[in-house]
PDB file of all heavy atoms in Angstrom:
ATOM      1  N   VAL A   1      61.763  -8.857  15.459  1.00  0.00           N
ATOM      2  CA  VAL A   1      61.235  -9.509  14.322  1.00  0.00           C
ATOM      3  C   VAL A   1      62.360  -9.582  13.271  1.00  0.00           C
ATOM      4  O   VAL A   1      62.977  -8.570  12.967  1.00  0.00           O
ATOM      5  CB  VAL A   1      60.004  -8.772  13.714  1.00  0.00           C
ATOM      6  CG1 VAL A   1      59.451  -9.515  12.510  1.00  0.00           C
ATOM      7  CG2 VAL A   1      58.936  -8.645  14.837  1.00  0.00           C
ATOM      8  N   VAL A   2      62.562 -10.731  12.733  1.00  0.00           N
ATOM      9  CA  VAL A   2      63.618 -10.940  11.779  1.00  0.00           C
ATOM     10  C   VAL A   2      62.991 -11.052  10.359  1.00  0.00           C
ATOM     11  O   VAL A   2      62.066 -11.821  10.184  1.00  0.00           O
ATOM     12  CB  VAL A   2      64.406 -12.196  12.081  1.00  0.00           C
ATOM     13  CG1 VAL A   2      65.502 -12.453  11.055  1.00  0.00           C
ATOM     14  CG2 VAL A   2      65.059 -12.071  13.463  1.00  0.00           C
ATOM     15  N   ALA A   3      63.518 -10.273   9.430  1.00  0.00           N
ATOM     16  CA  ALA A   3      63.007 -10.339   8.105  1.00  0.00           C
ATOM     17  C   ALA A   3      63.369 -11.612   7.396  1.00  0.00           C
ATOM     18  O   ALA A   3      64.341 -12.281   7.774  1.00  0.00           O
ATOM     19  CB  ALA A   3      63.500  -9.142   7.334  1.00  0.00           C
ATOM     20  N   PRO A   4      62.666 -12.005   6.343  1.00  0.00           N
ATOM     21  CA  PRO A   4      62.970 -13.223   5.660  1.00  0.00           C
ATOM     22  C   PRO A   4      64.367 -13.180   5.013  1.00  0.00           C
ATOM     23  O   PRO A   4      64.829 -12.085   4.695  1.00  0.00           O
ATOM     24  CB  PRO A   4      61.852 -13.343   4.546  1.00  0.00           C
ATOM     25  CG  PRO A   4      60.831 -12.375   4.938  1.00  0.00           C
ATOM     26  CD  PRO A   4      61.475 -11.335   5.792  1.00  0.00           C
ATOM     27  N   PRO A   5      65.006 -14.306   4.889  1.00  0.00           N
ATOM     28  CA  PRO A   5      66.370 -14.232   4.306  1.00  0.00           C
ATOM     29  C   PRO A   5      66.365 -13.858   2.855  1.00  0.00           C
ATOM     30  O   PRO A   5      65.368 -13.999   2.159  1.00  0.00           O
ATOM     31  CB  PRO A   5      66.832 -15.736   4.445  1.00  0.00           C
ATOM     32  CG  PRO A   5      65.614 -16.509   4.528  1.00  0.00           C
ATOM     33  CD  PRO A   5      64.592 -15.650   5.220  1.00  0.00           C
ATOM     34  N   VAL A   6      67.482 -13.235   2.414  1.00  0.00           N
ATOM     35  CA  VAL A   6      67.601 -12.790   1.053  1.00  0.00           C
ATOM     36  C   VAL A   6      67.523 -13.994   0.167  1.00  0.00           C
ATOM     37  O   VAL A   6      68.087 -15.058   0.404  1.00  0.00           O
ATOM     38  CB  VAL A   6      68.909 -12.061   0.849  1.00  0.00           C
ATOM     39  CG1 VAL A   6      69.144 -11.681  -0.601  1.00  0.00           C
ATOM     40  CG2 VAL A   6      68.992 -10.846   1.756  1.00  0.00           C
ATOM     41  N   GLY A   7      66.828 -13.841  -0.981  1.00  0.00           N
ATOM     42  CA  GLY A   7      66.691 -14.969  -1.905  1.00  0.00           C
ATOM     43  C   GLY A   7      65.466 -15.794  -1.646  1.00  0.00           C
ATOM     44  O   GLY A   7      65.256 -16.788  -2.306  1.00  0.00           O
ATOM     45  N   ALA A   8      64.601 -15.412  -0.681  1.00  0.00           N
ATOM     46  CA  ALA A   8      63.383 -16.097  -0.432  1.00  0.00           C
ATOM     47  C   ALA A   8      62.481 -15.950  -1.646  1.00  0.00           C
ATOM     48  O   ALA A   8      62.341 -14.892  -2.189  1.00  0.00           O
ATOM     49  CB  ALA A   8      62.692 -15.594   0.831  1.00  0.00           C
ATOM     50  N   GLN A   9      61.829 -17.047  -1.991  1.00  0.00           N
ATOM     51  CA  GLN A   9      60.962 -17.008  -3.206  1.00  0.00           C
ATOM     52  C   GLN A   9      59.533 -16.740  -2.809  1.00  0.00           C
ATOM     53  O   GLN A   9      58.987 -17.294  -1.874  1.00  0.00           O
ATOM     54  CB  GLN A   9      61.066 -18.351  -3.944  1.00  0.00           C
ATOM     55  CG  GLN A   9      62.444 -18.542  -4.601  1.00  0.00           C
ATOM     56  CD  GLN A   9      62.444 -19.675  -5.626  1.00  0.00           C
ATOM     57  OE1 GLN A   9      61.551 -20.519  -5.581  1.00  0.00           O
ATOM     58  NE2 GLN A   9      63.420 -19.753  -6.488  1.00  0.00           N
ATOM     59  N   SER A  10      58.874 -15.939  -3.620  1.00  0.00           N
ATOM     60  CA  SER A  10      57.473 -15.604  -3.430  1.00  0.00           C
ATOM     61  C   SER A  10      56.759 -15.612  -4.780  1.00  0.00           C
ATOM     62  O   SER A  10      57.405 -15.457  -5.830  1.00  0.00           O
ATOM     63  CB  SER A  10      57.311 -14.169  -2.778  1.00  0.00           C
ATOM     64  OG  SER A  10      58.008 -14.140  -1.542  1.00  0.00           O
ATOM     65  N   ARG A  11      55.475 -15.771  -4.721  1.00  0.00           N
ATOM     66  CA  ARG A  11      54.655 -15.751  -5.913  1.00  0.00           C
ATOM     67  C   ARG A  11      54.481 -14.322  -6.379  1.00  0.00           C
ATOM     68  O   ARG A  11      54.486 -13.355  -5.617  1.00  0.00           O
ATOM     69  CB  ARG A  11      53.310 -16.382  -5.729  1.00  0.00           C
ATOM     70  CG  ARG A  11      53.400 -17.868  -5.376  1.00  0.00           C
ATOM     71  CD  ARG A  11      52.035 -18.424  -5.099  1.00  0.00           C
ATOM     72  NE  ARG A  11      51.400 -17.806  -4.000  1.00  0.00           N
ATOM     73  CZ  ARG A  11      50.166 -18.089  -3.520  1.00  0.00           C
ATOM     74  NH1 ARG A  11      49.452 -19.040  -4.145  1.00  0.00           N
ATOM     75  NH2 ARG A  11      49.680 -17.416  -2.521  1.00  0.00           N
ATOM     76  N   VAL A  12      54.314 -14.142  -7.709  1.00  0.00           N
ATOM     77  CA  VAL A  12      54.125 -12.779  -8.262  1.00  0.00           C
ATOM     78  C   VAL A  12      52.954 -12.102  -7.669  1.00  0.00           C
ATOM     79  O   VAL A  12      53.021 -10.913  -7.330  1.00  0.00           O
ATOM     80  CB  VAL A  12      54.032 -12.878  -9.821  1.00  0.00           C
ATOM     81  CG1 VAL A  12      53.631 -11.531 -10.415  1.00  0.00           C
ATOM     82  CG2 VAL A  12      55.346 -13.355 -10.418  1.00  0.00           C
ATOM     83  N   LYS A  13      51.833 -12.811  -7.441  1.00  0.00           N
ATOM     84  CA  LYS A  13      50.626 -12.150  -6.951  1.00  0.00           C
ATOM     85  C   LYS A  13      50.751 -11.759  -5.469  1.00  0.00           C
ATOM     86  O   LYS A  13      49.928 -11.008  -4.999  1.00  0.00           O
ATOM     87  CB  LYS A  13      49.419 -13.061  -7.122  1.00  0.00           C
ATOM     88  CG  LYS A  13      49.472 -14.379  -6.373  1.00  0.00           C
ATOM     89  CD  LYS A  13      48.190 -15.193  -6.648  1.00  0.00           C
ATOM     90  CE  LYS A  13      48.217 -16.542  -5.937  1.00  0.00           C
ATOM     91  NZ  LYS A  13      47.012 -17.348  -6.263  1.00  0.00           N
ATOM     92  N   ASP A  14      51.792 -12.275  -4.805  1.00  0.00           N
ATOM     93  CA  ASP A  14      52.010 -11.900  -3.374  1.00  0.00           C
ATOM     94  C   ASP A  14      52.820 -10.640  -3.250  1.00  0.00           C
ATOM     95  O   ASP A  14      52.817 -10.028  -2.177  1.00  0.00           O
ATOM     96  CB  ASP A  14      52.639 -13.088  -2.598  1.00  0.00           C
ATOM     97  CG  ASP A  14      51.727 -14.281  -2.559  1.00  0.00           C
ATOM     98  OD1 ASP A  14      50.512 -14.117  -2.548  1.00  0.00           O
ATOM     99  OD2 ASP A  14      52.260 -15.406  -2.497  1.00  0.00           O
ATOM    100  N   ILE A  15      53.560 -10.325  -4.264  1.00  0.00           N
ATOM    101  CA  ILE A  15      54.503  -9.157  -4.175  1.00  0.00           C
ATOM    102  C   ILE A  15      54.121  -8.037  -5.150  1.00  0.00           C
ATOM    103  O   ILE A  15      54.712  -6.987  -5.081  1.00  0.00           O
ATOM    104  CB  ILE A  15      55.921  -9.571  -4.413  1.00  0.00           C
ATOM    105  CG1 ILE A  15      56.073 -10.257  -5.742  1.00  0.00           C
ATOM    106  CG2 ILE A  15      56.417 -10.530  -3.355  1.00  0.00           C
ATOM    107  CD1 ILE A  15      57.517 -10.716  -6.076  1.00  0.00           C
ATOM    108  N   ALA A  16      53.091  -8.276  -6.013  1.00  0.00           N
ATOM    109  CA  ALA A  16      52.711  -7.234  -6.945  1.00  0.00           C
ATOM    110  C   ALA A  16      51.195  -7.416  -7.177  1.00  0.00           C
ATOM    111  O   ALA A  16      50.605  -8.440  -6.942  1.00  0.00           O
ATOM    112  CB  ALA A  16      53.457  -7.398  -8.279  1.00  0.00           C
ATOM    113  N   GLN A  17      50.602  -6.320  -7.710  1.00  0.00           N
ATOM    114  CA  GLN A  17      49.169  -6.353  -8.045  1.00  0.00           C
ATOM    115  C   GLN A  17      48.960  -5.585  -9.313  1.00  0.00           C
ATOM    116  O   GLN A  17      49.723  -4.731  -9.715  1.00  0.00           O
ATOM    117  CB  GLN A  17      48.378  -5.679  -6.852  1.00  0.00           C
ATOM    118  CG  GLN A  17      48.716  -4.250  -6.614  1.00  0.00           C
ATOM    119  CD  GLN A  17      47.896  -3.616  -5.500  1.00  0.00           C
ATOM    120  OE1 GLN A  17      47.125  -4.332  -4.881  1.00  0.00           O
ATOM    121  NE2 GLN A  17      48.082  -2.353  -5.211  1.00  0.00           N
ATOM    122  N   LEU A  18      47.834  -5.927  -9.955  1.00  0.00           N
ATOM    123  CA  LEU A  18      47.442  -5.199 -11.193  1.00  0.00           C
ATOM    124  C   LEU A  18      47.010  -3.781 -10.911  1.00  0.00           C
ATOM    125  O   LEU A  18      46.313  -3.527  -9.893  1.00  0.00           O
ATOM    126  CB  LEU A  18      46.311  -5.946 -11.900  1.00  0.00           C
ATOM    127  CG  LEU A  18      46.702  -7.209 -12.683  1.00  0.00           C
ATOM    128  CD1 LEU A  18      45.461  -7.904 -13.165  1.00  0.00           C
ATOM    129  CD2 LEU A  18      47.603  -6.914 -13.815  1.00  0.00           C
ATOM    130  N   GLN A  19      47.421  -2.886 -11.736  1.00  0.00           N
ATOM    131  CA  GLN A  19      47.066  -1.469 -11.511  1.00  0.00           C
ATOM    132  C   GLN A  19      45.550  -1.264 -11.615  1.00  0.00           C
ATOM    133  O   GLN A  19      44.971  -0.437 -10.918  1.00  0.00           O
ATOM    134  CB  GLN A  19      47.800  -0.570 -12.523  1.00  0.00           C
ATOM    135  CG  GLN A  19      47.620   0.935 -12.288  1.00  0.00           C
ATOM    136  CD  GLN A  19      48.413   1.720 -13.261  1.00  0.00           C
ATOM    137  OE1 GLN A  19      48.909   1.249 -14.275  1.00  0.00           O
ATOM    138  NE2 GLN A  19      48.643   2.997 -12.942  1.00  0.00           N
ATOM    139  N   SER A  20      44.913  -2.035 -12.507  1.00  0.00           N
ATOM    140  CA  SER A  20      43.456  -1.829 -12.701  1.00  0.00           C
ATOM    141  C   SER A  20      42.662  -2.512 -11.595  1.00  0.00           C
ATOM    142  O   SER A  20      41.528  -2.190 -11.342  1.00  0.00           O
ATOM    143  CB  SER A  20      43.063  -2.470 -14.063  1.00  0.00           C
ATOM    144  OG  SER A  20      43.454  -3.804 -14.113  1.00  0.00           O
ATOM    145  N   ALA A  21      43.323  -3.428 -10.835  1.00  0.00           N
ATOM    146  CA  ALA A  21      42.648  -4.156  -9.727  1.00  0.00           C
ATOM    147  C   ALA A  21      42.905  -3.385  -8.438  1.00  0.00           C
ATOM    148  O   ALA A  21      43.664  -3.863  -7.596  1.00  0.00           O
ATOM    149  CB  ALA A  21      43.078  -5.589  -9.683  1.00  0.00           C
ATOM    150  N   ARG A  22      42.259  -2.282  -8.252  1.00  0.00           N
ATOM    151  CA  ARG A  22      42.440  -1.503  -7.034  1.00  0.00           C
ATOM    152  C   ARG A  22      41.149  -1.269  -6.271  1.00  0.00           C
ATOM    153  O   ARG A  22      40.041  -1.297  -6.879  1.00  0.00           O
ATOM    154  CB  ARG A  22      43.027  -0.109  -7.375  1.00  0.00           C
ATOM    155  CG  ARG A  22      42.159   0.735  -8.307  1.00  0.00           C
ATOM    156  CD  ARG A  22      42.839   2.068  -8.636  1.00  0.00           C
ATOM    157  NE  ARG A  22      42.943   2.867  -7.468  1.00  0.00           N
ATOM    158  CZ  ARG A  22      42.020   3.709  -7.115  1.00  0.00           C
ATOM    159  NH1 ARG A  22      40.882   3.800  -7.818  1.00  0.00           N
ATOM    160  NH2 ARG A  22      42.162   4.480  -6.031  1.00  0.00           N
ATOM    161  N   ASP A  23      41.264  -1.077  -5.002  1.00  0.00           N
ATOM    162  CA  ASP A  23      40.064  -0.778  -4.151  1.00  0.00           C
ATOM    163  C   ASP A  23      39.678   0.672  -4.316  1.00  0.00           C
ATOM    164  O   ASP A  23      40.512   1.538  -4.727  1.00  0.00           O
ATOM    165  CB  ASP A  23      40.381  -1.084  -2.645  1.00  0.00           C
ATOM    166  CG  ASP A  23      40.591  -2.600  -2.436  1.00  0.00           C
ATOM    167  OD1 ASP A  23      40.232  -3.353  -3.367  1.00  0.00           O
ATOM    168  OD2 ASP A  23      40.991  -2.941  -1.316  1.00  0.00           O
ATOM    169  N   ASN A  24      38.423   0.985  -3.983  1.00  0.00           N
ATOM    170  CA  ASN A  24      37.954   2.357  -3.929  1.00  0.00           C
ATOM    171  C   ASN A  24      37.304   2.545  -2.551  1.00  0.00           C
ATOM    172  O   ASN A  24      36.506   1.705  -2.079  1.00  0.00           O
ATOM    173  CB  ASN A  24      36.933   2.637  -5.048  1.00  0.00           C
ATOM    174  CG  ASN A  24      37.584   2.622  -6.444  1.00  0.00           C
ATOM    175  OD1 ASN A  24      38.091   3.641  -6.876  1.00  0.00           O
ATOM    176  ND2 ASN A  24      37.616   1.467  -7.097  1.00  0.00           N
ATOM    177  N   GLN A  25      37.583   3.669  -1.940  1.00  0.00           N
ATOM    178  CA  GLN A  25      37.101   3.954  -0.574  1.00  0.00           C
ATOM    179  C   GLN A  25      35.731   4.615  -0.626  1.00  0.00           C
ATOM    180  O   GLN A  25      35.514   5.516  -1.461  1.00  0.00           O
ATOM    181  CB  GLN A  25      38.122   4.820   0.175  1.00  0.00           C
ATOM    182  CG  GLN A  25      39.420   4.156   0.445  1.00  0.00           C
ATOM    183  CD  GLN A  25      40.437   5.008   1.122  1.00  0.00           C
ATOM    184  OE1 GLN A  25      40.434   6.261   1.008  1.00  0.00           O
ATOM    185  NE2 GLN A  25      41.367   4.418   1.882  1.00  0.00           N
ATOM    186  N   LEU A  26      34.894   4.229   0.270  1.00  0.00           N
ATOM    187  CA  LEU A  26      33.565   4.786   0.380  1.00  0.00           C
ATOM    188  C   LEU A  26      33.396   5.285   1.850  1.00  0.00           C
ATOM    189  O   LEU A  26      33.919   4.763   2.803  1.00  0.00           O
ATOM    190  CB  LEU A  26      32.497   3.719   0.117  1.00  0.00           C
ATOM    191  CG  LEU A  26      32.601   2.945  -1.251  1.00  0.00           C
ATOM    192  CD1 LEU A  26      31.469   1.912  -1.345  1.00  0.00           C
ATOM    193  CD2 LEU A  26      32.515   3.943  -2.417  1.00  0.00           C
ATOM    194  N   VAL A  27      32.533   6.314   1.957  1.00  0.00           N
ATOM    195  CA  VAL A  27      32.248   6.870   3.325  1.00  0.00           C
ATOM    196  C   VAL A  27      30.816   7.356   3.334  1.00  0.00           C
ATOM    197  O   VAL A  27      30.236   7.756   2.309  1.00  0.00           O
ATOM    198  CB  VAL A  27      33.246   8.040   3.606  1.00  0.00           C
ATOM    199  CG1 VAL A  27      33.023   9.205   2.658  1.00  0.00           C
ATOM    200  CG2 VAL A  27      33.122   8.499   5.026  1.00  0.00           C
ATOM    201  N   GLY A  28      30.243   7.283   4.524  1.00  0.00           N
ATOM    202  CA  GLY A  28      28.877   7.820   4.673  1.00  0.00           C
ATOM    203  C   GLY A  28      28.632   8.195   6.109  1.00  0.00           C
ATOM    204  O   GLY A  28      29.341   7.885   7.023  1.00  0.00           O
ATOM    205  N   TYR A  29      27.529   8.963   6.329  1.00  0.00           N
ATOM    206  CA  TYR A  29      27.107   9.377   7.678  1.00  0.00           C
ATOM    207  C   TYR A  29      25.785   8.734   7.941  1.00  0.00           C
ATOM    208  O   TYR A  29      24.834   8.718   7.144  1.00  0.00           O
ATOM    209  CB  TYR A  29      26.957  10.911   7.669  1.00  0.00           C
ATOM    210  CG  TYR A  29      26.278  11.476   8.936  1.00  0.00           C
ATOM    211  CD1 TYR A  29      27.026  11.616  10.092  1.00  0.00           C
ATOM    212  CD2 TYR A  29      24.908  11.745   8.923  1.00  0.00           C
ATOM    213  CE1 TYR A  29      26.406  12.134  11.237  1.00  0.00           C
ATOM    214  CE2 TYR A  29      24.308  12.255  10.082  1.00  0.00           C
ATOM    215  CZ  TYR A  29      25.068  12.415  11.155  1.00  0.00           C
ATOM    216  OH  TYR A  29      24.426  12.898  12.345  1.00  0.00           O
ATOM    217  N   GLY A  30      25.654   8.087   9.167  1.00  0.00           N
ATOM    218  CA  GLY A  30      24.446   7.403   9.491  1.00  0.00           C
ATOM    219  C   GLY A  30      24.094   7.443  10.959  1.00  0.00           C
ATOM    220  O   GLY A  30      24.814   8.111  11.735  1.00  0.00           O
ATOM    221  N   LEU A  31      23.108   6.667  11.298  1.00  0.00           N
ATOM    222  CA  LEU A  31      22.622   6.609  12.697  1.00  0.00           C
ATOM    223  C   LEU A  31      22.615   5.138  13.140  1.00  0.00           C
ATOM    224  O   LEU A  31      22.238   4.234  12.400  1.00  0.00           O
ATOM    225  CB  LEU A  31      21.244   7.214  12.858  1.00  0.00           C
ATOM    226  CG  LEU A  31      21.155   8.739  12.636  1.00  0.00           C
ATOM    227  CD1 LEU A  31      19.688   9.141  12.682  1.00  0.00           C
ATOM    228  CD2 LEU A  31      21.955   9.514  13.628  1.00  0.00           C
ATOM    229  N   VAL A  32      23.047   4.942  14.392  1.00  0.00           N
ATOM    230  CA  VAL A  32      22.898   3.630  15.052  1.00  0.00           C
ATOM    231  C   VAL A  32      21.824   3.724  16.117  1.00  0.00           C
ATOM    232  O   VAL A  32      21.901   4.614  16.985  1.00  0.00           O
ATOM    233  CB  VAL A  32      24.247   3.125  15.655  1.00  0.00           C
ATOM    234  CG1 VAL A  32      24.055   1.917  16.451  1.00  0.00           C
ATOM    235  CG2 VAL A  32      25.238   2.928  14.565  1.00  0.00           C
ATOM    236  N   VAL A  33      20.814   2.931  16.070  1.00  0.00           N
ATOM    237  CA  VAL A  33      19.727   2.954  17.023  1.00  0.00           C
ATOM    238  C   VAL A  33      19.708   1.649  17.850  1.00  0.00           C
ATOM    239  O   VAL A  33      20.402   0.709  17.568  1.00  0.00           O
ATOM    240  CB  VAL A  33      18.378   3.167  16.288  1.00  0.00           C
ATOM    241  CG1 VAL A  33      18.382   4.456  15.542  1.00  0.00           C
ATOM    242  CG2 VAL A  33      18.115   2.012  15.352  1.00  0.00           C
ATOM    243  N   GLY A  34      18.908   1.666  18.940  1.00  0.00           N
ATOM    244  CA  GLY A  34      18.743   0.490  19.747  1.00  0.00           C
ATOM    245  C   GLY A  34      19.772   0.302  20.831  1.00  0.00           C
ATOM    246  O   GLY A  34      19.930  -0.792  21.380  1.00  0.00           O
ATOM    247  N   LEU A  35      20.515   1.352  21.119  1.00  0.00           N
ATOM    248  CA  LEU A  35      21.520   1.282  22.180  1.00  0.00           C
ATOM    249  C   LEU A  35      20.911   1.289  23.569  1.00  0.00           C
ATOM    250  O   LEU A  35      19.826   1.871  23.762  1.00  0.00           O
ATOM    251  CB  LEU A  35      22.526   2.463  22.021  1.00  0.00           C
ATOM    252  CG  LEU A  35      23.208   2.563  20.670  1.00  0.00           C
ATOM    253  CD1 LEU A  35      24.142   3.830  20.686  1.00  0.00           C
ATOM    254  CD2 LEU A  35      24.042   1.343  20.377  1.00  0.00           C
ATOM    255  N   GLN A  36      21.573   0.689  24.506  1.00  0.00           N
ATOM    256  CA  GLN A  36      21.044   0.558  25.885  1.00  0.00           C
ATOM    257  C   GLN A  36      21.541   1.729  26.739  1.00  0.00           C
ATOM    258  O   GLN A  36      22.311   1.537  27.644  1.00  0.00           O
ATOM    259  CB  GLN A  36      21.470  -0.771  26.497  1.00  0.00           C
ATOM    260  CG  GLN A  36      20.992  -1.968  25.734  1.00  0.00           C
ATOM    261  CD  GLN A  36      21.479  -3.280  26.393  1.00  0.00           C
ATOM    262  OE1 GLN A  36      22.349  -3.315  27.192  1.00  0.00           O
ATOM    263  NE2 GLN A  36      20.833  -4.422  25.957  1.00  0.00           N
ATOM    264  N   GLY A  37      21.042   2.886  26.411  1.00  0.00           N
ATOM    265  CA  GLY A  37      21.381   4.119  27.160  1.00  0.00           C
ATOM    266  C   GLY A  37      22.864   4.553  26.988  1.00  0.00           C
ATOM    267  O   GLY A  37      23.343   5.287  27.821  1.00  0.00           O
ATOM    268  N   THR A  38      23.534   4.074  25.940  1.00  0.00           N
ATOM    269  CA  THR A  38      24.930   4.416  25.717  1.00  0.00           C
ATOM    270  C   THR A  38      25.199   5.305  24.537  1.00  0.00           C
ATOM    271  O   THR A  38      26.255   5.460  24.014  1.00  0.00           O
ATOM    272  CB  THR A  38      25.783   3.142  25.565  1.00  0.00           C
ATOM    273  OG1 THR A  38      25.349   2.395  24.496  1.00  0.00           O
ATOM    274  CG2 THR A  38      25.715   2.239  26.823  1.00  0.00           C
ATOM    275  N   GLY A  39      24.080   5.883  24.009  1.00  0.00           N
ATOM    276  CA  GLY A  39      24.146   6.716  22.817  1.00  0.00           C
ATOM    277  C   GLY A  39      24.590   8.154  23.140  1.00  0.00           C
ATOM    278  O   GLY A  39      25.029   8.483  24.246  1.00  0.00           O
ATOM    279  N   ASP A  40      24.424   8.997  22.087  1.00  0.00           N
ATOM    280  CA  ASP A  40      24.864  10.398  22.211  1.00  0.00           C
ATOM    281  C   ASP A  40      23.882  11.120  23.187  1.00  0.00           C
ATOM    282  O   ASP A  40      22.698  10.886  23.192  1.00  0.00           O
ATOM    283  CB  ASP A  40      24.875  11.075  20.887  1.00  0.00           C
ATOM    284  CG  ASP A  40      25.883  10.510  19.917  1.00  0.00           C
ATOM    285  OD1 ASP A  40      26.868   9.943  20.451  1.00  0.00           O
ATOM    286  OD2 ASP A  40      25.722  10.697  18.692  1.00  0.00           O
ATOM    287  N   SER A  41      24.481  12.058  23.971  1.00  0.00           N
ATOM    288  CA  SER A  41      23.652  13.006  24.680  1.00  0.00           C
ATOM    289  C   SER A  41      23.273  14.105  23.723  1.00  0.00           C
ATOM    290  O   SER A  41      24.204  14.845  23.245  1.00  0.00           O
ATOM    291  CB  SER A  41      24.399  13.556  25.913  1.00  0.00           C
ATOM    292  OG  SER A  41      25.639  14.132  25.529  1.00  0.00           O
ATOM    293  N   LEU A  42      22.021  14.259  23.409  1.00  0.00           N
ATOM    294  CA  LEU A  42      21.617  15.141  22.333  1.00  0.00           C
ATOM    295  C   LEU A  42      21.947  16.581  22.620  1.00  0.00           C
ATOM    296  O   LEU A  42      21.993  17.425  21.698  1.00  0.00           O
ATOM    297  CB  LEU A  42      20.129  14.962  22.036  1.00  0.00           C
ATOM    298  CG  LEU A  42      19.725  13.526  21.658  1.00  0.00           C
ATOM    299  CD1 LEU A  42      18.209  13.539  21.257  1.00  0.00           C
ATOM    300  CD2 LEU A  42      20.545  12.999  20.504  1.00  0.00           C
ATOM    301  N   ARG A  43      22.144  16.948  23.874  1.00  0.00           N
ATOM    302  CA  ARG A  43      22.496  18.285  24.203  1.00  0.00           C
ATOM    303  C   ARG A  43      23.951  18.584  23.724  1.00  0.00           C
ATOM    304  O   ARG A  43      24.194  19.703  23.240  1.00  0.00           O
ATOM    305  CB  ARG A  43      22.378  18.503  25.721  1.00  0.00           C
ATOM    306  CG  ARG A  43      22.717  19.928  26.193  1.00  0.00           C
ATOM    307  CD  ARG A  43      22.610  20.065  27.675  1.00  0.00           C
ATOM    308  NE  ARG A  43      21.271  19.744  28.118  1.00  0.00           N
ATOM    309  CZ  ARG A  43      20.283  20.619  28.182  1.00  0.00           C
ATOM    310  NH1 ARG A  43      20.507  21.856  27.799  1.00  0.00           N
ATOM    311  NH2 ARG A  43      19.108  20.267  28.602  1.00  0.00           N
TER     312      ARG A  43
END
């Protein structure tokens, strides 16, 4: 893979982002039902 040549022009929003505009990660524990015999063995 060859990197873009030096001096390539890009838009500001493609190379930088606002500090206040950030994602936040979420996590949870749940259950998936309706599987065709491919679920957890409860033992």
